Amino acid sequence: MPRPSAGVGEAVIRITLTTICGTDLHILRGEYPVKPGLVIGHEPVGVIEELGEGLSGYKIGDRVLVGAITPCGQCRACLSAQWAQCGHGEGVEAIGGWRFGNTINGAQAEYLLVPNAQANLAKIPDELTDEQVVLLADIASTGFSGAESANIRIGDTVAVFAQGPIGLCATAGAKLIGASFIIGVEGDPVRMEMSKRMGAHIVLDPEQCDVISEIKKLTGGGADVAIEALGLQATFENALRCLRPGGTLSSLGVYSGKLQVP
């Protein structure tokens, strides 16, 4: 790939560390189509190589984290703190969402061109390693936002379906926000153990029990909040059915194909 150059408001980052996301796997399997030949990846840590005009507060050589979502920082959605709904200047009908590896070249390469860099770079403190911060680009922030967007309140009961990396971060987020009782749903023994370390009070194996009835029994009629972190029709339905009347479902999974609400 040719090395990108920075235009006005843009930055070029030399990638030092990035991840492979579950979304990348959906793309490679053809479940989420992107333009052929596009560089994928959207969870980058790197060093600033070039700065375009109009940027302040950064210099060549700064170690930075770049978020998976790259909002402009100036439109109505951004100024309303709805950064994921930024239309990226592509017209009022443009939907929000991420661009790296979706509509523009992404981070699994030597260099990355960052749009709207003033709003999308975060300096990394010297005492932190790349490995310590890389999950913040997407995995940790997605999990935490799943807990935040559910408006968890102190004392709430929360069920988190799937304890992969994002589900674990959702569990940690629910604990930090103030949930009083957190139920993880997971069948992998290693992830079940990690779920308890991240804040789950109990972890249910869906192969060993009726998850919906067990959650309702544990919570006295249904969870206040359910977070879906896998992306399957079955887990979406289970998350919906384990809620108390008036409860909140926060959906994080990437659903391949059509998701139906029963």
C-alpha atoms as a PDB file:
ATOM      1  CA  MET A   1       0.000   0.000   0.000  1.00  0.00           C
ATOM      2  CA  PRO A   2       1.307   3.524  -0.692  1.00  0.00           C
ATOM      3  CA  ARG A   3       2.253   5.526   2.396  1.00  0.00           C
ATOM      4  CA  PRO A   4      -0.563   8.042   3.042  1.00  0.00           C
ATOM      5  CA  SER A   5       0.074  11.769   3.422  1.00  0.00           C
ATOM      6  CA  ALA A   6      -1.785  14.088   5.781  1.00  0.00           C
ATOM      7  CA  GLY A   7      -4.118  16.754   4.458  1.00  0.00           C
ATOM      8  CA  VAL A   8      -5.759  19.548   6.427  1.00  0.00           C
ATOM      9  CA  GLY A   9      -6.930  18.281   9.797  1.00  0.00           C
ATOM     10  CA  GLU A  10      -5.445  14.816   9.229  1.00  0.00           C
ATOM     11  CA  ALA A  11      -2.580  12.871  10.786  1.00  0.00           C
ATOM     12  CA  VAL A  12      -0.482   9.917   9.660  1.00  0.00           C
ATOM     13  CA  ILE A  13       0.243   7.366  12.367  1.00  0.00           C
ATOM     14  CA  ARG A  14       2.969   4.696  12.226  1.00  0.00           C
ATOM     15  CA  ILE A  15       1.227   1.670  13.720  1.00  0.00           C
ATOM     16  CA  THR A  16       3.047  -0.027  16.590  1.00  0.00           C
ATOM     17  CA  LEU A  17       0.246  -2.313  17.799  1.00  0.00           C
ATOM     18  CA  THR A  18      -3.249  -3.234  16.701  1.00  0.00           C
ATOM     19  CA  THR A  19      -5.712  -6.056  17.241  1.00  0.00           C
ATOM     20  CA  ILE A  20      -7.870  -8.461  15.284  1.00  0.00           C
ATOM     21  CA  CYS A  21     -11.495  -7.725  16.174  1.00  0.00           C
ATOM     22  CA  GLY A  22     -14.456 -10.048  15.900  1.00  0.00           C
ATOM     23  CA  THR A  23     -15.834  -7.584  13.339  1.00  0.00           C
ATOM     24  CA  ASP A  24     -12.749  -8.231  11.173  1.00  0.00           C
ATOM     25  CA  LEU A  25     -13.681 -11.912  11.158  1.00  0.00           C
ATOM     26  CA  HIS A  26     -17.216 -11.057  10.026  1.00  0.00           C
ATOM     27  CA  ILE A  27     -15.657  -9.068   7.145  1.00  0.00           C
ATOM     28  CA  LEU A  28     -13.297 -11.887   6.140  1.00  0.00           C
ATOM     29  CA  ARG A  29     -16.154 -14.402   6.145  1.00  0.00           C
ATOM     30  CA  GLY A  30     -18.194 -12.161   3.873  1.00  0.00           C
ATOM     31  CA  GLU A  31     -20.838 -11.624   6.543  1.00  0.00           C
ATOM     32  CA  TYR A  32     -20.190  -7.869   6.548  1.00  0.00           C
ATOM     33  CA  PRO A  33     -19.196  -6.748   3.030  1.00  0.00           C
ATOM     34  CA  VAL A  34     -16.604  -4.028   2.439  1.00  0.00           C
ATOM     35  CA  LYS A  35     -14.891  -2.799  -0.711  1.00  0.00           C
ATOM     36  CA  PRO A  36     -12.416  -5.402  -2.050  1.00  0.00           C
ATOM     37  CA  GLY A  37      -8.806  -4.482  -1.312  1.00  0.00           C
ATOM     38  CA  LEU A  38      -9.640  -2.274   1.660  1.00  0.00           C
ATOM     39  CA  VAL A  39      -7.188  -2.454   4.580  1.00  0.00           C
ATOM     40  CA  ILE A  40      -9.158  -3.625   7.602  1.00  0.00           C
ATOM     41  CA  GLY A  41      -8.564  -3.072  11.319  1.00  0.00           C
ATOM     42  CA  HIS A  42      -9.809  -0.319  13.605  1.00  0.00           C
ATOM     43  CA  GLU A  43      -8.016  -0.632  16.962  1.00  0.00           C
ATOM     44  CA  PRO A  44      -4.689   1.186  16.564  1.00  0.00           C
ATOM     45  CA  VAL A  45      -1.870   2.395  18.775  1.00  0.00           C
ATOM     46  CA  GLY A  46       1.016   4.204  17.143  1.00  0.00           C
ATOM     47  CA  VAL A  47       3.379   7.143  16.786  1.00  0.00           C
ATOM     48  CA  ILE A  48       2.567  10.375  14.946  1.00  0.00           C
ATOM     49  CA  GLU A  49       4.635  10.541  11.728  1.00  0.00           C
ATOM     50  CA  GLU A  50       2.978  13.513  10.026  1.00  0.00           C
ATOM     51  CA  LEU A  51       0.528  16.243  11.015  1.00  0.00           C
ATOM     52  CA  GLY A  52      -1.655  18.187   8.603  1.00  0.00           C
ATOM     53  CA  GLU A  53      -2.494  21.848   8.947  1.00  0.00           C
ATOM     54  CA  GLY A  54      -4.977  22.976  11.561  1.00  0.00           C
ATOM     55  CA  LEU A  55      -3.975  20.621  14.374  1.00  0.00           C
ATOM     56  CA  SER A  56      -2.778  21.749  17.795  1.00  0.00           C
ATOM     57  CA  GLY A  57      -1.561  20.051  20.943  1.00  0.00           C
ATOM     58  CA  TYR A  58       0.249  17.227  19.150  1.00  0.00           C
ATOM     59  CA  LYS A  59       3.740  16.848  17.713  1.00  0.00           C
ATOM     60  CA  ILE A  60       5.664  14.388  15.545  1.00  0.00           C
ATOM     61  CA  GLY A  61       6.764  11.436  17.664  1.00  0.00           C
ATOM     62  CA  ASP A  62       3.869  11.504  20.141  1.00  0.00           C
ATOM     63  CA  ARG A  63       2.578   8.072  21.089  1.00  0.00           C
ATOM     64  CA  VAL A  64      -1.182   8.039  20.540  1.00  0.00           C
ATOM     65  CA  LEU A  65      -4.274   5.888  20.693  1.00  0.00           C
ATOM     66  CA  VAL A  66      -6.847   6.268  17.917  1.00  0.00           C
ATOM     67  CA  GLY A  67     -10.473   5.359  18.639  1.00  0.00           C
ATOM     68  CA  ALA A  68     -12.312   2.963  16.349  1.00  0.00           C
ATOM     69  CA  ILE A  69     -15.022   5.583  15.777  1.00  0.00           C
ATOM     70  CA  THR A  70     -13.648   8.748  14.144  1.00  0.00           C
ATOM     71  CA  PRO A  71     -16.304  11.478  14.525  1.00  0.00           C
ATOM     72  CA  CYS A  72     -15.677  14.977  13.167  1.00  0.00           C
ATOM     73  CA  GLY A  73     -16.147  16.592  16.576  1.00  0.00           C
ATOM     74  CA  GLN A  74     -18.066  19.552  15.155  1.00  0.00           C
ATOM     75  CA  CYS A  75     -21.447  18.440  13.755  1.00  0.00           C
ATOM     76  CA  ARG A  76     -24.755  18.404  15.617  1.00  0.00           C
ATOM     77  CA  ALA A  77     -24.370  14.737  16.625  1.00  0.00           C
ATOM     78  CA  CYS A  78     -20.855  15.289  17.971  1.00  0.00           C
ATOM     79  CA  LEU A  79     -21.786  18.442  19.863  1.00  0.00           C
ATOM     80  CA  SER A  80     -24.704  16.502  21.373  1.00  0.00           C
ATOM     81  CA  ALA A  81     -22.276  13.800  22.629  1.00  0.00           C
ATOM     82  CA  GLN A  82     -23.678  11.292  20.102  1.00  0.00           C
ATOM     83  CA  TRP A  83     -20.328  10.707  18.402  1.00  0.00           C
ATOM     84  CA  ALA A  84     -21.291   7.314  16.964  1.00  0.00           C
ATOM     85  CA  GLN A  85     -24.014   9.046  14.929  1.00  0.00           C
ATOM     86  CA  CYS A  86     -21.622  11.488  13.210  1.00  0.00           C
ATOM     87  CA  GLY A  87     -22.403  11.652   9.492  1.00  0.00           C
ATOM     88  CA  HIS A  88     -18.746  12.455   8.733  1.00  0.00           C
ATOM     89  CA  GLY A  89     -19.781  15.373   6.529  1.00  0.00           C
ATOM     90  CA  GLU A  90     -21.372  13.013   4.040  1.00  0.00           C
ATOM     91  CA  GLY A  91     -24.848  14.545   4.100  1.00  0.00           C
ATOM     92  CA  VAL A  92     -27.783  14.470   6.454  1.00  0.00           C
ATOM     93  CA  GLU A  93     -28.792  10.953   5.427  1.00  0.00           C
ATOM     94  CA  ALA A  94     -25.378   9.413   6.124  1.00  0.00           C
ATOM     95  CA  ILE A  95     -25.515   6.958   9.002  1.00  0.00           C
ATOM     96  CA  GLY A  96     -22.935   7.029  11.754  1.00  0.00           C
ATOM     97  CA  GLY A  97     -20.550   4.286  12.670  1.00  0.00           C
ATOM     98  CA  TRP A  98     -16.916   3.449  12.225  1.00  0.00           C
ATOM     99  CA  ARG A  99     -14.868   4.096   9.088  1.00  0.00           C
ATOM    100  CA  PHE A 100     -11.482   2.388   9.544  1.00  0.00           C
ATOM    101  CA  GLY A 101     -11.618  -0.869   7.600  1.00  0.00           C
ATOM    102  CA  ASN A 102     -15.246  -0.200   6.712  1.00  0.00           C
ATOM    103  CA  THR A 103     -15.286   2.734   4.286  1.00  0.00           C
ATOM    104  CA  ILE A 104     -11.636   3.920   4.490  1.00  0.00           C
ATOM    105  CA  ASN A 105      -8.322   2.091   4.917  1.00  0.00           C
ATOM    106  CA  GLY A 106      -7.822   0.741   8.406  1.00  0.00           C
ATOM    107  CA  ALA A 107      -5.112  -0.017  10.936  1.00  0.00           C
ATOM    108  CA  GLN A 108      -3.693  -3.434  10.020  1.00  0.00           C
ATOM    109  CA  ALA A 109      -0.866  -1.820   8.039  1.00  0.00           C
ATOM    110  CA  GLU A 110       2.361   0.094   8.646  1.00  0.00           C
ATOM    111  CA  TYR A 111       0.687   3.506   8.385  1.00  0.00           C
ATOM    112  CA  LEU A 112      -2.783   4.871   9.066  1.00  0.00           C
ATOM    113  CA  LEU A 113      -4.342   8.109   7.839  1.00  0.00           C
ATOM    114  CA  VAL A 114      -6.512   9.509  10.662  1.00  0.00           C
ATOM    115  CA  PRO A 115      -9.355  11.849   9.614  1.00  0.00           C
ATOM    116  CA  ASN A 116     -10.464  14.703  11.888  1.00  0.00           C
ATOM    117  CA  ALA A 117      -7.364  13.998  13.950  1.00  0.00           C
ATOM    118  CA  GLN A 118      -7.963  16.802  16.460  1.00  0.00           C
ATOM    119  CA  ALA A 119     -11.010  14.915  17.729  1.00  0.00           C
ATOM    120  CA  ASN A 120      -9.590  11.411  17.383  1.00  0.00           C
ATOM    121  CA  LEU A 121      -6.136  11.218  18.940  1.00  0.00           C
ATOM    122  CA  ALA A 122      -5.361  10.536  22.595  1.00  0.00           C
ATOM    123  CA  LYS A 123      -1.818  10.864  23.921  1.00  0.00           C
ATOM    124  CA  ILE A 124      -0.491   7.820  25.769  1.00  0.00           C
ATOM    125  CA  PRO A 125       1.274   8.535  29.091  1.00  0.00           C
ATOM    126  CA  ASP A 126       4.914   7.428  29.095  1.00  0.00           C
ATOM    127  CA  GLU A 127       4.348   5.029  31.984  1.00  0.00           C
ATOM    128  CA  LEU A 128       1.810   2.955  30.005  1.00  0.00           C
ATOM    129  CA  THR A 129       2.752   0.358  27.391  1.00  0.00           C
ATOM    130  CA  ASP A 130       0.995  -0.152  24.069  1.00  0.00           C
ATOM    131  CA  GLU A 131      -0.394  -3.441  25.377  1.00  0.00           C
ATOM    132  CA  GLN A 132      -1.942  -1.705  28.388  1.00  0.00           C
ATOM    133  CA  VAL A 133      -3.954   0.745  26.283  1.00  0.00           C
ATOM    134  CA  VAL A 134      -4.744  -1.009  22.989  1.00  0.00           C
ATOM    135  CA  LEU A 135      -8.106  -2.393  24.168  1.00  0.00           C
ATOM    136  CA  LEU A 136      -9.345   1.160  24.780  1.00  0.00           C
ATOM    137  CA  ALA A 137      -9.585   1.807  21.034  1.00  0.00           C
ATOM    138  CA  ASP A 138     -12.659  -0.394  20.704  1.00  0.00           C
ATOM    139  CA  ILE A 139     -13.011  -3.455  22.926  1.00  0.00           C
ATOM    140  CA  ALA A 140     -12.967  -1.818  26.355  1.00  0.00           C
ATOM    141  CA  SER A 141     -14.775   1.317  25.192  1.00  0.00           C
ATOM    142  CA  THR A 142     -17.497  -0.766  23.512  1.00  0.00           C
ATOM    143  CA  GLY A 143     -18.017  -2.900  26.603  1.00  0.00           C
ATOM    144  CA  PHE A 144     -18.089   0.124  28.900  1.00  0.00           C
ATOM    145  CA  SER A 145     -20.464   1.996  26.594  1.00  0.00           C
ATOM    146  CA  GLY A 146     -22.803  -0.992  26.657  1.00  0.00           C
ATOM    147  CA  ALA A 147     -23.090  -0.521  30.396  1.00  0.00           C
ATOM    148  CA  GLU A 148     -23.323   3.284  30.098  1.00  0.00           C
ATOM    149  CA  SER A 149     -26.003   3.336  27.395  1.00  0.00           C
ATOM    150  CA  ALA A 150     -28.110   0.955  29.497  1.00  0.00           C
ATOM    151  CA  ASN A 151     -28.265   3.720  32.146  1.00  0.00           C
ATOM    152  CA  ILE A 152     -27.339   1.295  34.909  1.00  0.00           C
ATOM    153  CA  ARG A 153     -28.156   2.750  38.308  1.00  0.00           C
ATOM    154  CA  ILE A 154     -26.662   1.980  41.698  1.00  0.00           C
ATOM    155  CA  GLY A 155     -28.285  -1.201  42.981  1.00  0.00           C
ATOM    156  CA  ASP A 156     -29.405  -2.575  39.599  1.00  0.00           C
ATOM    157  CA  THR A 157     -29.218  -6.248  38.678  1.00  0.00           C
ATOM    158  CA  VAL A 158     -27.417  -6.866  35.378  1.00  0.00           C
ATOM    159  CA  ALA A 159     -27.071  -9.943  33.162  1.00  0.00           C
ATOM    160  CA  VAL A 160     -24.225  -9.950  30.622  1.00  0.00           C
ATOM    161  CA  PHE A 161     -24.584 -12.510  27.839  1.00  0.00           C
ATOM    162  CA  ALA A 162     -21.202 -13.823  26.609  1.00  0.00           C
ATOM    163  CA  GLN A 163     -17.951 -13.173  28.414  1.00  0.00           C
ATOM    164  CA  GLY A 164     -15.560 -12.656  25.550  1.00  0.00           C
ATOM    165  CA  PRO A 165     -13.340  -9.553  25.643  1.00  0.00           C
ATOM    166  CA  ILE A 166     -16.223  -7.118  25.079  1.00  0.00           C
ATOM    167  CA  GLY A 167     -18.561  -8.931  27.455  1.00  0.00           C
ATOM    168  CA  LEU A 168     -15.871  -8.918  30.143  1.00  0.00           C
ATOM    169  CA  CYS A 169     -15.445  -5.170  29.711  1.00  0.00           C
ATOM    170  CA  ALA A 170     -19.222  -4.736  29.927  1.00  0.00           C
ATOM    171  CA  THR A 171     -19.138  -6.711  33.182  1.00  0.00           C
ATOM    172  CA  ALA A 172     -16.372  -4.471  34.543  1.00  0.00           C
ATOM    173  CA  GLY A 173     -18.295  -1.392  33.395  1.00  0.00           C
ATOM    174  CA  ALA A 174     -21.481  -2.537  35.102  1.00  0.00           C
ATOM    175  CA  LYS A 175     -19.557  -3.047  38.349  1.00  0.00           C
ATOM    176  CA  LEU A 176     -17.906   0.373  38.173  1.00  0.00           C
ATOM    177  CA  ILE A 177     -21.213   2.117  37.464  1.00  0.00           C
ATOM    178  CA  GLY A 178     -22.772   0.587  40.552  1.00  0.00           C
ATOM    179  CA  ALA A 179     -24.650  -2.620  39.714  1.00  0.00           C
ATOM    180  CA  SER A 180     -25.310  -4.551  42.898  1.00  0.00           C
ATOM    181  CA  PHE A 181     -25.656  -8.011  41.345  1.00  0.00           C
ATOM    182  CA  ILE A 182     -24.067  -9.073  38.049  1.00  0.00           C
ATOM    183  CA  ILE A 183     -24.800 -12.367  36.315  1.00  0.00           C
ATOM    184  CA  GLY A 184     -22.465 -13.534  33.560  1.00  0.00           C
ATOM    185  CA  VAL A 185     -23.658 -16.019  30.936  1.00  0.00           C
ATOM    186  CA  GLU A 186     -20.822 -18.086  29.481  1.00  0.00           C
ATOM    187  CA  GLY A 187     -19.856 -21.718  28.884  1.00  0.00           C
ATOM    188  CA  ASP A 188     -16.077 -21.477  28.465  1.00  0.00           C
ATOM    189  CA  PRO A 189     -14.374 -22.329  31.812  1.00  0.00           C
ATOM    190  CA  VAL A 190     -11.513 -19.842  31.355  1.00  0.00           C
ATOM    191  CA  ARG A 191     -13.897 -17.014  30.517  1.00  0.00           C
ATOM    192  CA  MET A 192     -16.209 -18.008  33.358  1.00  0.00           C
ATOM    193  CA  GLU A 193     -13.362 -17.603  35.830  1.00  0.00           C
ATOM    194  CA  MET A 194     -12.243 -14.296  34.294  1.00  0.00           C
ATOM    195  CA  SER A 195     -15.834 -13.038  34.459  1.00  0.00           C
ATOM    196  CA  LYS A 196     -15.791 -13.388  38.253  1.00  0.00           C
ATOM    197  CA  ARG A 197     -12.482 -11.526  38.421  1.00  0.00           C
ATOM    198  CA  MET A 198     -14.006  -8.695  36.385  1.00  0.00           C
ATOM    199  CA  GLY A 199     -17.022  -8.301  38.651  1.00  0.00           C
ATOM    200  CA  ALA A 200     -19.632 -11.014  38.030  1.00  0.00           C
ATOM    201  CA  HIS A 201     -21.155 -12.419  41.203  1.00  0.00           C
ATOM    202  CA  ILE A 202     -22.266 -15.613  39.478  1.00  0.00           C
ATOM    203  CA  VAL A 203     -21.718 -17.091  36.015  1.00  0.00           C
ATOM    204  CA  LEU A 204     -24.331 -19.335  34.397  1.00  0.00           C
ATOM    205  CA  ASP A 205     -23.411 -21.971  31.826  1.00  0.00           C
ATOM    206  CA  PRO A 206     -26.194 -21.997  29.179  1.00  0.00           C
ATOM    207  CA  GLU A 207     -25.452 -25.668  28.497  1.00  0.00           C
ATOM    208  CA  GLN A 208     -26.094 -26.602  32.117  1.00  0.00           C
ATOM    209  CA  CYS A 209     -29.240 -24.645  33.042  1.00  0.00           C
ATOM    210  CA  ASP A 210     -32.256 -22.739  31.754  1.00  0.00           C
ATOM    211  CA  VAL A 211     -30.647 -19.316  31.769  1.00  0.00           C
ATOM    212  CA  ILE A 212     -33.871 -17.286  31.562  1.00  0.00           C
ATOM    213  CA  SER A 213     -35.623 -18.994  34.478  1.00  0.00           C
ATOM    214  CA  GLU A 214     -32.428 -18.995  36.536  1.00  0.00           C
ATOM    215  CA  ILE A 215     -31.896 -15.245  36.030  1.00  0.00           C
ATOM    216  CA  LYS A 216     -35.521 -14.524  36.935  1.00  0.00           C
ATOM    217  CA  LYS A 217     -35.149 -16.629  40.081  1.00  0.00           C
ATOM    218  CA  LEU A 218     -31.874 -14.947  41.087  1.00  0.00           C
ATOM    219  CA  THR A 219     -33.217 -11.433  40.501  1.00  0.00           C
ATOM    220  CA  GLY A 220     -36.718 -11.869  41.871  1.00  0.00           C
ATOM    221  CA  GLY A 221     -38.547 -11.553  38.564  1.00  0.00           C
ATOM    222  CA  GLY A 222     -36.047 -10.391  35.980  1.00  0.00           C
ATOM    223  CA  ALA A 223     -32.871  -8.359  35.556  1.00  0.00           C
ATOM    224  CA  ASP A 224     -33.011  -4.572  35.430  1.00  0.00           C
ATOM    225  CA  VAL A 225     -30.507  -4.600  32.558  1.00  0.00           C
ATOM    226  CA  ALA A 226     -29.329  -7.218  30.074  1.00  0.00           C
ATOM    227  CA  ILE A 227     -26.247  -6.679  27.903  1.00  0.00           C
ATOM    228  CA  GLU A 228     -25.872  -8.808  24.767  1.00  0.00           C
ATOM    229  CA  ALA A 229     -22.213  -9.155  23.744  1.00  0.00           C
ATOM    230  CA  LEU A 230     -22.191 -11.980  21.211  1.00  0.00           C
ATOM    231  CA  GLY A 231     -24.402 -11.210  18.243  1.00  0.00           C
ATOM    232  CA  LEU A 232     -26.660 -14.246  17.828  1.00  0.00           C
ATOM    233  CA  GLN A 233     -30.417 -14.349  17.429  1.00  0.00           C
ATOM    234  CA  ALA A 234     -30.652 -16.775  20.359  1.00  0.00           C
ATOM    235  CA  THR A 235     -28.649 -14.631  22.783  1.00  0.00           C
ATOM    236  CA  PHE A 236     -30.584 -11.515  21.770  1.00  0.00           C
ATOM    237  CA  GLU A 237     -33.875 -13.276  22.512  1.00  0.00           C
ATOM    238  CA  ASN A 238     -32.580 -14.658  25.820  1.00  0.00           C
ATOM    239  CA  ALA A 239     -31.367 -11.207  26.844  1.00  0.00           C
ATOM    240  CA  LEU A 240     -34.796  -9.792  26.034  1.00  0.00           C
ATOM    241  CA  ARG A 241     -36.692 -12.519  27.891  1.00  0.00           C
ATOM    242  CA  CYS A 242     -34.637 -12.382  31.092  1.00  0.00           C
ATOM    243  CA  LEU A 243     -35.584  -8.740  31.759  1.00  0.00           C
ATOM    244  CA  ARG A 244     -38.132  -7.524  34.275  1.00  0.00           C
ATOM    245  CA  PRO A 245     -41.034  -5.528  32.803  1.00  0.00           C
ATOM    246  CA  GLY A 246     -39.629  -2.137  31.869  1.00  0.00           C
ATOM    247  CA  GLY A 247     -36.053  -3.398  31.916  1.00  0.00           C
ATOM    248  CA  THR A 248     -33.360  -2.295  29.463  1.00  0.00           C
ATOM    249  CA  LEU A 249     -31.616  -4.352  26.779  1.00  0.00           C
ATOM    250  CA  SER A 250     -28.241  -3.028  25.653  1.00  0.00           C
ATOM    251  CA  SER A 251     -27.118  -4.744  22.451  1.00  0.00           C
ATOM    252  CA  LEU A 252     -23.409  -4.836  21.545  1.00  0.00           C
ATOM    253  CA  GLY A 253     -23.111  -7.881  19.287  1.00  0.00           C
ATOM    254  CA  VAL A 254     -22.532  -7.681  15.540  1.00  0.00           C
ATOM    255  CA  TYR A 255     -25.410  -9.649  14.041  1.00  0.00           C
ATOM    256  CA  SER A 256     -24.656 -11.462  10.775  1.00  0.00           C
ATOM    257  CA  GLY A 257     -27.748 -11.302   8.624  1.00  0.00           C
ATOM    258  CA  LYS A 258     -31.139 -10.173   9.798  1.00  0.00           C
ATOM    259  CA  LEU A 259     -31.939  -9.788  13.475  1.00  0.00           C
ATOM    260  CA  GLN A 260     -35.594 -10.360  14.302  1.00  0.00           C
ATOM    261  CA  VAL A 261     -37.386  -9.124  17.418  1.00  0.00           C
ATOM    262  CA  PRO A 262     -39.758 -11.895  18.579  1.00  0.00           C
END
